[in-house]
């Protein structure tokens, strides 16, 4: 069986992650999957697997979950320590017809309790570490059962004790019914639960399948994204069906990351923008850990041009490129843009890309005053295509309020240039009076002050634009260098420097701007 044949089947019948490992094994059972950590649920499995072994483990775990009482159409919330076994367990739940609900391990107990209640007495699949976190949550009232994947606790069902359970036949969910539920970043409060179906998940593979065609050889793909995110579904599906060796990474420490990159020499790296920013220093490593990379890819948030330039210059590959995709959990990939080694540093960071070829999403910008949206008068960015998420679980009215027929409101504001590039200026909720684009300011200043590790412009107590800055090593910033860098932005208030560890972040490492603004209001007296 060829990967292209399986891909065509997915486009017709939808993407079922419970069947994916078995399908990938039918394409090439020897495709390697390497981890930079041990699997919590299968501690003896090791860090080097083939796709055939991976598929066998998923089938085994599906049998154990069935033996634990999980049945088709049940919601199974997976909230556990960050580990690659999260995706394996999600596939196992899907394989027996369950509805996967992925919750980030970064969520606190209160938020998890709210989401469990919203789902409505689901099975909770967790581990001992997270059960300790949830000690104050009334799980007996909120869940049907609790299953542990590791570090068992009294009152829970242990997957470890169900080893050897009788295998069961796969159960395929209807193509337009809920299959996997992920959540939004939660930058504005309690995350929303985004419902994906087999059809929507399959459709979202289209533009990325074309991106991977840039890799002519079957070289290693390094994936460093949250295991709970909807992006992981696409990343794993595409890599396995294309028969690319996979390096699944969890570790963030640049020194550890460098060692793995040097050993496995990936041709493609998919990672969070903030992860790539943290790894910038590796560009100066004489061992050239990025030397083998042909394509850098990031889809979670806009990334600063300076970061892209450093990474591309650290690659030894001819024609190396950085491919950025703008999208959301609700819409998937919307627009994309490739940046090249010799021009990335000059790129306008607000240009997030062009609409992709036939079969991908349609994008429009809607004006609030009836006139054509421009840089001076931007509009609301909306997306339409069959890959849109089906609903928000338990919040249909909230979903409906954001959808107008076939068009979904992203909550971002921007405009199209005359050449067709979509410029995303800000989130609607983050706009500050007198500031055209906070993100643009951040791009420009970060490009000038390399000692900054992060810069976030938020609204202060008196509606002023306050730059919150973090430096490498938390060293004090030279005020003269700061003033020289921001001469073009007189609307900025004096900077507030805080340790980077104190920045409130989401599960995908986005800064929670409203939470940061609230912190300023609580700390700074109003004028």
Protein backbone atom coordinates (compact mmCIF):
# COMPACT_ATOMS: atom_id res chain seq x y z
CA UNK A 1 0.00 0.00 0.00
CA UNK A 2 1.29 3.49 -0.84
CA UNK A 3 1.01 6.57 1.33
CA UNK A 4 -0.73 8.45 -1.49
CA UNK A 5 -3.38 5.72 -1.64
CA UNK A 6 -4.02 5.98 2.09
CA UNK A 7 -4.10 9.78 1.84
CA UNK A 8 -6.76 9.56 -0.89
CA UNK A 9 -8.77 7.22 1.31
CA UNK A 10 -8.56 9.69 4.20
CA UNK A 11 -9.86 12.48 1.99
CA UNK A 12 -12.93 10.34 1.18
CA UNK A 13 -13.58 8.67 4.53
CA UNK A 14 -12.02 11.11 6.99
CA UNK A 15 -9.04 10.87 9.32
CA UNK A 16 -9.54 8.38 12.15
CA UNK A 17 -6.51 8.58 14.43
CA UNK A 18 -7.34 5.20 15.93
CA UNK A 19 -6.75 3.58 12.54
CA UNK A 20 -3.83 5.77 11.48
CA UNK A 21 -0.95 3.77 13.09
CA UNK A 22 -2.22 0.55 11.50
CA UNK A 23 -2.61 2.28 8.13
CA UNK A 24 0.88 3.77 8.36
CA UNK A 25 2.28 0.34 9.24
CA UNK A 26 0.63 -1.05 6.10
CA UNK A 27 2.46 1.62 4.08
CA UNK A 28 5.86 0.94 5.69
CA UNK A 29 6.08 -1.09 8.92
CA UNK A 30 9.76 -0.24 9.45
CA UNK A 31 9.44 3.57 9.53
CA UNK A 32 11.25 4.58 12.75
CA UNK A 33 9.83 6.71 15.57
CA UNK A 34 12.40 7.98 18.08
CA UNK A 35 11.55 9.69 21.40
CA UNK A 36 13.67 11.91 23.61
CA UNK A 37 11.95 10.49 26.71
CA UNK A 38 10.41 7.26 28.01
CA UNK A 39 6.73 6.42 27.58
CA UNK A 40 4.88 6.72 30.87
CA UNK A 41 2.25 4.09 30.05
CA UNK A 42 4.78 1.65 28.54
CA UNK A 43 8.04 2.24 30.44
CA UNK A 44 9.70 -0.85 28.96
CA UNK A 45 8.91 0.00 25.34
CA UNK A 46 12.09 2.02 24.94
CA UNK A 47 12.75 5.16 22.94
CA UNK A 48 13.12 3.60 19.50
CA UNK A 49 10.05 2.12 17.84
CA UNK A 50 8.98 1.16 14.36
CA UNK A 51 5.57 2.17 13.09
CA UNK A 52 4.53 -1.50 13.27
CA UNK A 53 5.48 -1.59 16.96
CA UNK A 54 3.72 1.70 17.52
CA UNK A 55 0.53 0.33 15.93
CA UNK A 56 0.79 -2.81 18.09
CA UNK A 57 1.04 -0.69 21.25
CA UNK A 58 -2.04 1.33 20.24
CA UNK A 59 -4.02 -1.88 19.67
CA UNK A 60 -2.86 -3.19 23.05
CA UNK A 61 -3.85 0.01 24.86
CA UNK A 62 -7.22 0.04 23.11
CA UNK A 63 -7.87 -3.46 24.47
CA UNK A 64 -6.92 -2.34 27.98
CA UNK A 65 -9.26 0.67 27.77
CA UNK A 66 -12.09 -1.60 26.64
CA UNK A 67 -11.37 -3.90 29.57
CA UNK A 68 -11.51 -0.84 31.84
CA UNK A 69 -15.08 -0.20 30.67
CA UNK A 70 -14.69 2.44 27.94
CA UNK A 71 -17.24 2.02 25.14
CA UNK A 72 -18.07 3.70 21.80
CA UNK A 73 -19.53 7.23 21.94
CA UNK A 74 -18.09 7.87 25.41
CA UNK A 75 -16.04 10.99 26.06
CA UNK A 76 -12.59 10.23 27.45
CA UNK A 77 -10.75 13.23 28.88
CA UNK A 78 -6.97 12.75 28.74
CA UNK A 79 -5.20 14.97 31.26
CA UNK A 80 -1.78 13.70 32.17
CA UNK A 81 1.89 14.53 32.41
CA UNK A 82 3.35 15.74 29.10
CA UNK A 83 4.52 12.64 27.25
CA UNK A 84 4.38 11.22 23.74
CA UNK A 85 2.16 8.45 25.09
CA UNK A 86 -0.66 11.03 25.19
CA UNK A 87 -1.06 10.79 21.42
CA UNK A 88 -0.78 6.99 21.61
CA UNK A 89 -3.52 6.85 24.25
CA UNK A 90 -5.70 9.22 22.20
CA UNK A 91 -5.34 6.88 19.23
CA UNK A 92 -6.29 3.95 21.46
CA UNK A 93 -9.44 5.72 22.68
CA UNK A 94 -10.37 6.53 19.10
CA UNK A 95 -9.73 2.94 18.02
CA UNK A 96 -12.61 1.69 20.17
CA UNK A 97 -14.99 4.46 19.11
CA UNK A 98 -14.47 6.80 22.05
CA UNK A 99 -14.43 10.59 21.72
CA UNK A 100 -11.04 11.95 22.70
CA UNK A 101 -10.92 15.12 24.81
CA UNK A 102 -7.34 16.38 25.02
CA UNK A 103 -6.53 18.68 27.94
CA UNK A 104 -3.14 20.31 28.32
CA UNK A 105 -1.08 19.28 31.36
CA UNK A 106 -0.44 23.01 31.84
CA UNK A 107 -4.08 23.59 32.86
CA UNK A 108 -4.69 24.14 36.57
CA UNK A 109 -7.05 22.06 38.69
CA UNK A 110 -9.83 24.66 38.73
CA UNK A 111 -9.89 24.90 34.93
CA UNK A 112 -9.82 21.12 34.54
CA UNK A 113 -12.76 20.84 36.94
CA UNK A 114 -14.79 23.34 34.89
CA UNK A 115 -14.03 21.49 31.65
CA UNK A 116 -14.87 18.08 33.14
CA UNK A 117 -18.24 19.45 34.18
CA UNK A 118 -18.77 20.92 30.70
CA UNK A 119 -18.08 17.55 29.06
CA UNK A 120 -20.58 15.80 31.33
CA UNK A 121 -19.27 12.89 33.44
CA UNK A 122 -16.59 11.59 31.09
CA UNK A 123 -14.00 8.94 31.77
CA UNK A 124 -10.83 10.62 33.02
CA UNK A 125 -7.56 9.11 31.76
CA UNK A 126 -4.73 10.51 33.84
CA UNK A 127 -1.72 9.55 35.97
CA UNK A 128 -0.74 9.74 39.61
CA UNK A 129 1.04 13.06 39.25
CA UNK A 130 -2.01 14.79 37.83
CA UNK A 131 -4.35 13.08 40.27
CA UNK A 132 -2.34 14.74 43.02
CA UNK A 133 -2.90 18.08 41.24
CA UNK A 134 -6.65 17.34 41.14
CA UNK A 135 -6.83 16.39 44.81
CA UNK A 136 -9.31 19.20 45.53
CA UNK A 137 -11.56 18.47 42.54
CA UNK A 138 -14.68 16.29 43.22
CA UNK A 139 -13.82 13.67 40.58
CA UNK A 140 -16.41 11.21 41.91
CA UNK A 141 -19.12 13.72 40.99
CA UNK A 142 -17.59 14.88 37.71
CA UNK A 143 -16.44 11.61 36.10
CA UNK A 144 -17.80 8.18 35.28
CA UNK A 145 -14.50 6.50 36.09
CA UNK A 146 -10.83 7.36 36.54
CA UNK A 147 -8.17 5.37 34.68
CA UNK A 148 -4.46 5.79 35.34
CA UNK A 149 -1.71 5.29 32.79
CA UNK A 150 1.11 5.44 35.36
CA UNK A 151 1.74 6.01 39.10
CA UNK A 152 -1.59 4.46 40.09
CA UNK A 153 -3.70 5.76 42.95
CA UNK A 154 -6.43 4.12 45.09
CA UNK A 155 -9.88 4.32 43.52
CA UNK A 156 -8.57 4.37 39.96
CA UNK A 157 -8.38 1.67 37.29
CA UNK A 158 -4.80 0.85 36.36
CA UNK A 159 -3.97 0.32 32.67
CA UNK A 160 -0.81 -1.42 33.79
CA UNK A 161 -2.82 -4.13 35.54
CA UNK A 162 -4.87 -4.73 32.38
CA UNK A 163 -1.90 -5.80 30.25
CA UNK A 164 -2.79 -8.78 28.07
CA UNK A 165 -6.45 -7.83 27.74
CA UNK A 166 -8.23 -9.47 24.83
CA UNK A 167 -7.98 -7.45 21.65
CA UNK A 168 -11.12 -5.87 20.21
CA UNK A 169 -12.18 -4.90 16.72
CA UNK A 170 -11.84 -1.21 15.76
CA UNK A 171 -14.93 0.97 15.88
CA UNK A 172 -15.11 3.69 13.24
CA UNK A 173 -16.92 6.88 14.17
CA UNK A 174 -19.26 8.58 11.65
CA UNK A 175 -17.37 10.99 9.40
CA UNK A 176 -19.25 14.10 10.59
CA UNK A 177 -19.55 13.28 14.28
CA UNK A 178 -17.21 14.38 17.08
CA UNK A 179 -13.98 12.37 17.13
CA UNK A 180 -11.34 14.52 18.83
CA UNK A 181 -11.90 17.55 21.05
CA UNK A 182 -9.07 19.95 21.77
CA UNK A 183 -9.15 23.29 23.52
CA UNK A 184 -8.28 26.87 22.67
CA UNK A 185 -5.26 28.54 24.21
CA UNK A 186 -7.28 30.21 26.93
CA UNK A 187 -5.66 33.62 26.50
CA UNK A 188 -8.93 35.27 27.54
CA UNK A 189 -10.16 32.91 30.27
CA UNK A 190 -11.49 29.34 30.48
CA UNK A 191 -10.55 27.55 27.23
CA UNK A 192 -13.24 26.61 24.74
CA UNK A 193 -13.57 22.94 23.73
CA UNK A 194 -13.17 22.69 19.95
CA UNK A 195 -14.87 19.73 18.27
CA UNK A 196 -13.11 18.06 15.33
CA UNK A 197 -14.65 15.34 13.15
CA UNK A 198 -12.95 12.73 10.94
CA UNK A 199 -13.89 14.86 7.93
CA UNK A 200 -12.49 18.15 9.28
CA UNK A 201 -9.28 16.46 10.43
CA UNK A 202 -8.76 14.85 7.03
CA UNK A 203 -9.40 18.05 5.10
CA UNK A 204 -6.80 19.93 7.13
CA UNK A 205 -4.06 17.65 5.80
CA UNK A 206 -4.42 19.00 2.24
CA UNK A 207 -2.17 22.10 2.30
CA UNK A 208 0.42 20.44 4.53
CA UNK A 209 0.63 17.33 2.34
CA UNK A 210 1.84 19.67 -0.40
CA UNK A 211 4.40 21.30 1.92
CA UNK A 212 5.98 17.94 2.69
CA UNK A 213 6.41 17.32 -1.01
CA UNK A 214 9.33 19.76 -0.75
CA UNK A 215 11.29 16.96 0.91
CA UNK A 216 12.43 14.76 -1.95
CA UNK A 217 14.05 12.15 0.28
CA UNK A 218 12.66 10.29 3.27
CA UNK A 219 14.56 12.26 5.88
CA UNK A 220 13.81 12.68 9.57
CA UNK A 221 11.05 15.03 10.71
CA UNK A 222 11.48 16.49 14.21
CA UNK A 223 8.19 17.37 15.93
CA UNK A 224 8.20 19.55 19.03
CA UNK A 225 4.59 20.60 19.61
CA UNK A 226 2.22 19.94 22.52
CA UNK A 227 1.05 16.33 22.37
CA UNK A 228 -2.51 17.48 23.16
CA UNK A 229 -2.82 20.01 20.34
CA UNK A 230 -4.84 19.51 17.16
CA UNK A 231 -1.62 20.27 15.28
CA UNK A 232 -0.14 17.01 16.61
CA UNK A 233 -2.86 15.06 14.81
CA UNK A 234 -1.84 16.57 11.47
CA UNK A 235 1.91 16.45 12.11
CA UNK A 236 1.96 12.77 13.06
CA UNK A 237 -0.50 11.77 10.33
CA UNK A 238 1.47 13.45 7.57
CA UNK A 239 4.88 12.23 8.70
CA UNK A 240 3.80 8.60 9.08
CA UNK A 241 1.89 8.43 5.81
CA UNK A 242 4.83 10.03 3.99
CA UNK A 243 7.09 7.36 5.58
CA UNK A 244 9.35 9.94 7.19
CA UNK A 245 11.35 8.88 10.24
CA UNK A 246 9.98 10.83 13.21
CA UNK A 247 11.80 12.38 16.15
CA UNK A 248 9.19 13.18 18.82
CA UNK A 249 10.59 15.75 21.23
CA UNK A 250 9.45 16.91 24.63
CA UNK A 251 12.57 18.49 26.10
CA UNK A 252 13.02 22.27 25.87
CA UNK A 253 16.59 22.69 27.15
CA UNK A 254 18.64 23.95 24.18
CA UNK A 255 21.61 21.79 25.17
CA UNK A 256 19.47 18.64 25.14
CA UNK A 257 17.75 19.66 21.92
CA UNK A 258 21.11 20.22 20.22
CA UNK A 259 22.29 16.71 21.06
CA UNK A 260 19.21 15.13 19.51
CA UNK A 261 19.41 17.29 16.39
CA UNK A 262 23.06 16.36 15.93
CA UNK A 263 22.36 12.64 16.27
CA UNK A 264 19.24 12.47 14.09
CA UNK A 265 19.93 15.31 11.60
CA UNK A 266 16.29 16.20 10.79
CA UNK A 267 15.42 17.79 7.46
CA UNK A 268 12.25 19.38 8.87
CA UNK A 269 11.54 20.85 12.29
CA UNK A 270 7.98 21.63 13.40
CA UNK A 271 7.95 23.61 16.65
CA UNK A 272 6.27 26.37 18.62
CA UNK A 273 7.46 29.93 17.88
CA UNK A 274 8.56 30.35 21.49
CA UNK A 275 10.51 27.10 21.37
CA UNK A 276 12.35 28.30 18.28
CA UNK A 277 13.08 31.62 19.99
CA UNK A 278 14.56 29.75 22.95
CA UNK A 279 16.76 27.73 20.61
CA UNK A 280 18.09 30.75 18.72
CA UNK A 281 21.40 30.51 20.54
CA UNK A 282 22.04 27.13 18.90
CA UNK A 283 22.53 28.98 15.62
CA UNK A 284 25.98 29.95 16.92
CA UNK A 285 26.92 26.41 17.99
CA UNK A 286 29.99 25.41 15.91
CA UNK A 287 28.61 21.86 15.64
CA UNK A 288 25.74 23.26 13.52
CA UNK A 289 22.76 21.43 15.09
CA UNK A 290 20.47 23.12 12.52
CA UNK A 291 22.81 22.34 9.65
CA UNK A 292 20.67 19.51 8.24
CA UNK A 293 17.36 21.39 8.30
CA UNK A 294 15.75 22.09 4.93
CA UNK A 295 12.40 23.33 6.27
CA UNK A 296 11.49 25.06 9.54
CA UNK A 297 7.74 25.09 10.14
CA UNK A 298 5.55 26.82 12.71
CA UNK A 299 1.78 27.14 12.77
CA UNK A 300 0.78 28.38 16.21
CA UNK A 301 1.55 32.07 16.19
CA UNK A 302 3.38 34.70 14.18
CA UNK A 303 7.14 34.46 14.64
CA UNK A 304 9.61 37.34 14.66
CA UNK A 305 11.65 37.87 11.46
CA UNK A 306 14.90 37.98 13.42
CA UNK A 307 14.32 34.47 14.73
CA UNK A 308 13.57 33.12 11.27
CA UNK A 309 16.69 34.75 9.85
CA UNK A 310 18.97 33.28 12.53
CA UNK A 311 17.61 29.79 12.07
CA UNK A 312 17.81 29.87 8.28
CA UNK A 313 21.40 31.10 8.34
CA UNK A 314 22.25 28.21 10.67
CA UNK A 315 21.16 25.68 8.03
CA UNK A 316 23.69 24.27 5.59
CA UNK A 317 20.98 23.14 3.16
CA UNK A 318 20.62 24.78 -0.21
CA UNK A 319 17.25 26.49 -0.56
CA UNK A 320 16.42 26.23 3.16
CA UNK A 321 13.13 27.91 4.01
CA UNK A 322 10.95 28.82 6.94
CA UNK A 323 7.29 28.06 6.30
CA UNK A 324 4.81 29.85 8.49
CA UNK A 325 1.13 28.96 8.56
CA UNK A 326 -1.43 31.29 10.09
CA UNK A 327 -4.44 29.53 11.58
CA UNK A 328 -6.38 28.57 14.69
CA UNK A 329 -7.69 25.44 16.35
CA UNK A 330 -11.12 26.33 14.99
CA UNK A 331 -10.04 26.79 11.37
CA UNK A 332 -6.81 24.85 10.87
CA UNK A 333 -4.28 26.26 8.37
CA UNK A 334 -5.62 29.42 6.71
CA UNK A 335 -2.78 31.17 4.88
CA UNK A 336 0.92 30.41 4.52
CA UNK A 337 4.19 31.99 3.55
CA UNK A 338 7.74 30.80 2.90
CA UNK A 339 10.73 32.87 4.05
CA UNK A 340 14.18 32.44 2.52
CA UNK A 341 17.63 32.71 4.06
CA UNK A 342 18.72 35.99 2.46
CA UNK A 343 15.46 37.88 2.88
CA UNK A 344 13.86 36.72 6.14
CA UNK A 345 15.48 39.50 8.19
CA UNK A 346 13.80 42.10 5.95
CA UNK A 347 10.39 40.47 6.13
CA UNK A 348 7.38 42.30 7.51
CA UNK A 349 6.38 40.15 10.45
CA UNK A 350 2.74 41.21 10.06
CA UNK A 351 2.53 39.59 6.62
CA UNK A 352 1.37 36.13 7.69
CA UNK A 353 0.92 34.74 4.21
CA UNK A 354 -1.08 34.18 1.06
CA UNK A 355 -4.12 32.01 0.51
CA UNK A 356 -3.02 28.51 -0.36
CA UNK A 357 -3.86 26.54 -3.54
CA UNK A 358 -7.19 25.00 -4.51
CA UNK A 359 -8.63 22.80 -1.79
CA UNK A 360 -7.42 24.99 1.07
CA UNK A 361 -9.21 27.63 3.12
CA UNK A 362 -10.75 30.83 1.76
CA UNK A 363 -9.98 34.01 3.68
CA UNK A 364 -11.59 37.44 3.63
CA UNK A 365 -11.29 40.66 5.63
CA UNK A 366 -14.58 42.33 6.52
CA UNK A 367 -14.71 46.06 7.11
CA UNK A 368 -16.65 47.58 9.94
CA UNK A 369 -17.55 50.72 7.97
CA UNK A 370 -18.26 49.24 4.55
CA UNK A 371 -15.05 50.47 2.95
CA UNK A 372 -12.15 48.36 1.75
CA UNK A 373 -9.99 47.39 4.76
CA UNK A 374 -6.55 49.00 4.70
CA UNK A 375 -3.52 49.35 6.93
CA UNK A 376 -5.03 52.50 8.44
CA UNK A 377 -8.53 51.00 8.70
CA UNK A 378 -8.20 47.22 9.15
CA UNK A 379 -11.09 44.78 9.25
CA UNK A 380 -12.03 41.46 10.80
CA UNK A 381 -10.34 38.35 9.40
CA UNK A 382 -12.76 35.54 8.51
CA UNK A 383 -12.16 32.02 7.16
CA UNK A 384 -14.35 29.58 5.23
CA UNK A 385 -13.83 25.96 4.17
CA UNK A 386 -15.03 22.45 5.11
CA UNK A 387 -12.13 22.14 7.57
CA UNK A 388 -13.78 24.43 10.13
CA UNK A 389 -14.37 22.85 13.52
CA UNK A 390 -17.91 21.58 14.01
CA UNK A 391 -18.77 23.38 17.24
CA UNK A 392 -17.67 24.30 20.75
CA UNK A 393 -18.65 21.40 22.99
CA UNK A 394 -21.27 22.56 25.47
CA UNK A 395 -21.25 26.11 24.07
CA UNK A 396 -23.20 25.99 20.81
CA UNK A 397 -24.50 29.55 21.21
CA UNK A 398 -20.97 30.85 21.63
CA UNK A 399 -19.93 29.03 18.46
CA UNK A 400 -22.94 30.26 16.50
CA UNK A 401 -22.24 33.85 17.56
CA UNK A 402 -18.85 33.65 15.87
CA UNK A 403 -20.05 32.04 12.63
CA UNK A 404 -21.94 33.73 9.81
CA UNK A 405 -23.04 31.07 7.36
CA UNK A 406 -19.90 29.51 5.95
CA UNK A 407 -17.60 32.18 7.44
CA UNK A 408 -15.80 31.96 10.77
CA UNK A 409 -14.61 35.07 12.61
CA UNK A 410 -11.04 34.54 13.83
CA UNK A 411 -11.08 37.43 16.29
CA UNK A 412 -8.04 38.94 14.53
CA UNK A 413 -7.89 42.23 12.65
CA UNK A 414 -5.88 42.96 9.53
CA UNK A 415 -6.02 43.66 5.81
CA UNK A 416 -4.91 42.32 2.43
CA UNK A 417 -2.18 44.15 0.54
CA UNK A 418 -2.65 44.81 -3.16
CA UNK A 419 -0.39 41.81 -3.80
CA UNK A 420 -2.71 39.57 -1.78
CA UNK A 421 -0.68 39.13 1.41
CA UNK A 422 -2.74 38.94 4.59
CA UNK A 423 -1.41 41.27 7.27
CA UNK A 424 -2.56 40.33 10.78
CA UNK A 425 -2.16 43.33 13.08
CA UNK A 426 -3.63 42.29 16.44
CA UNK A 427 -6.28 40.32 18.23
CA UNK A 428 -9.43 42.42 18.58
CA UNK A 429 -9.36 42.06 22.37
CA UNK A 430 -5.73 43.19 22.53
CA UNK A 431 -6.05 46.43 20.54
CA UNK A 432 -4.79 49.54 22.31
CA UNK A 433 -6.00 53.09 21.56
CA UNK A 434 -3.44 54.97 19.47
CA UNK A 435 -1.51 51.81 18.53
CA UNK A 436 -1.89 50.43 15.02
CA UNK A 437 -0.33 47.07 15.90
CA UNK A 438 1.26 45.92 19.14
CA UNK A 439 2.69 42.93 17.29
CA UNK A 440 4.40 45.20 14.76
CA UNK A 441 6.11 47.15 17.57
CA UNK A 442 7.29 43.90 19.08
CA UNK A 443 8.71 42.70 15.77
CA UNK A 444 10.65 45.90 15.16
CA UNK A 445 12.07 46.34 18.66
CA UNK A 446 13.02 42.69 19.08
CA UNK A 447 14.89 42.98 15.79
CA UNK A 448 16.94 45.86 17.23
CA UNK A 449 17.57 44.64 20.77
CA UNK A 450 18.99 41.14 20.69
CA UNK A 451 19.35 41.16 24.48
CA UNK A 452 15.56 40.90 24.73
CA UNK A 453 14.15 37.41 25.03
CA UNK A 454 10.54 38.63 24.97
CA UNK A 455 8.61 41.85 24.49
CA UNK A 456 4.86 42.18 24.94
CA UNK A 457 2.95 45.43 24.51
CA UNK A 458 -0.24 45.51 26.57
CA UNK A 459 -2.78 48.09 27.65
CA UNK A 460 -1.87 49.77 30.94
CA UNK A 461 -4.10 51.04 33.77
CA UNK A 462 -4.81 54.30 31.91
CA UNK A 463 -5.20 52.77 28.42
CA UNK A 464 -1.56 53.54 27.62
CA UNK A 465 0.65 51.12 25.68
CA UNK A 466 3.00 49.50 28.19
CA UNK A 467 5.95 47.43 26.90
CA UNK A 468 6.69 44.49 29.19
CA UNK A 469 10.22 43.26 28.55
CA UNK A 470 12.29 40.21 29.46
CA UNK A 471 16.01 39.79 28.81
CA UNK A 472 18.30 36.81 28.37
CA UNK A 473 19.45 35.82 31.82
CA UNK A 474 17.13 38.48 33.31
CA UNK A 475 19.95 41.04 33.12
CA UNK A 476 18.96 44.72 33.45
CA UNK A 477 18.25 46.46 30.14
CA UNK A 478 20.36 49.49 29.17
CA UNK A 479 17.84 52.40 29.19
CA UNK A 480 19.76 54.29 26.52
CA UNK A 481 19.58 51.34 24.12
CA UNK A 482 15.88 51.04 24.82
CA UNK A 483 15.20 54.71 24.07
CA UNK A 484 17.16 54.50 20.84
CA UNK A 485 15.22 51.43 19.73
CA UNK A 486 11.75 52.90 20.32
CA UNK A 487 12.17 56.39 18.88
CA UNK A 488 9.64 55.50 16.19
CA UNK A 489 6.99 54.62 18.78
CA UNK A 490 6.39 57.69 20.94
CA UNK A 491 3.07 56.26 22.15
CA UNK A 492 4.89 53.71 24.32
CA UNK A 493 5.03 54.21 28.08
CA UNK A 494 8.18 53.40 30.04
CA UNK A 495 9.05 49.71 29.91
CA UNK A 496 8.35 47.29 32.73
CA UNK A 497 10.97 44.56 33.08
CA UNK A 498 10.04 41.23 34.68
CA UNK A 499 11.72 37.80 34.81
CA UNK A 500 10.65 35.73 31.81
CA UNK A 501 9.55 32.92 34.14
CA UNK A 502 6.82 35.24 35.47
CA UNK A 503 5.14 35.75 32.09
CA UNK A 504 1.68 34.13 32.16
CA UNK A 505 1.55 31.68 29.26
CA UNK A 506 -0.90 29.31 27.62
CA UNK A 507 -0.30 25.62 26.91
CA UNK A 508 1.28 26.59 23.56
CA UNK A 509 3.50 29.16 25.31
CA UNK A 510 1.57 32.18 24.04
CA UNK A 511 1.69 35.08 26.46
CA UNK A 512 -1.68 35.68 28.14
CA UNK A 513 -1.84 39.36 27.34
CA UNK A 514 -5.01 40.15 29.28
CA UNK A 515 -3.65 38.43 32.38
CA UNK A 516 -0.43 40.41 32.01
CA UNK A 517 -2.39 43.65 31.63
CA UNK A 518 -4.40 42.81 34.76
CA UNK A 519 -1.14 42.29 36.63
CA UNK A 520 0.01 45.77 35.64
CA UNK A 521 -3.26 47.29 36.81
CA UNK A 522 -2.84 45.62 40.18
CA UNK A 523 0.81 46.67 40.57
CA UNK A 524 0.91 50.18 39.13
CA UNK A 525 -1.03 53.04 40.69
CA UNK A 526 -3.25 54.85 38.21
CA UNK A 527 -2.50 58.47 37.44
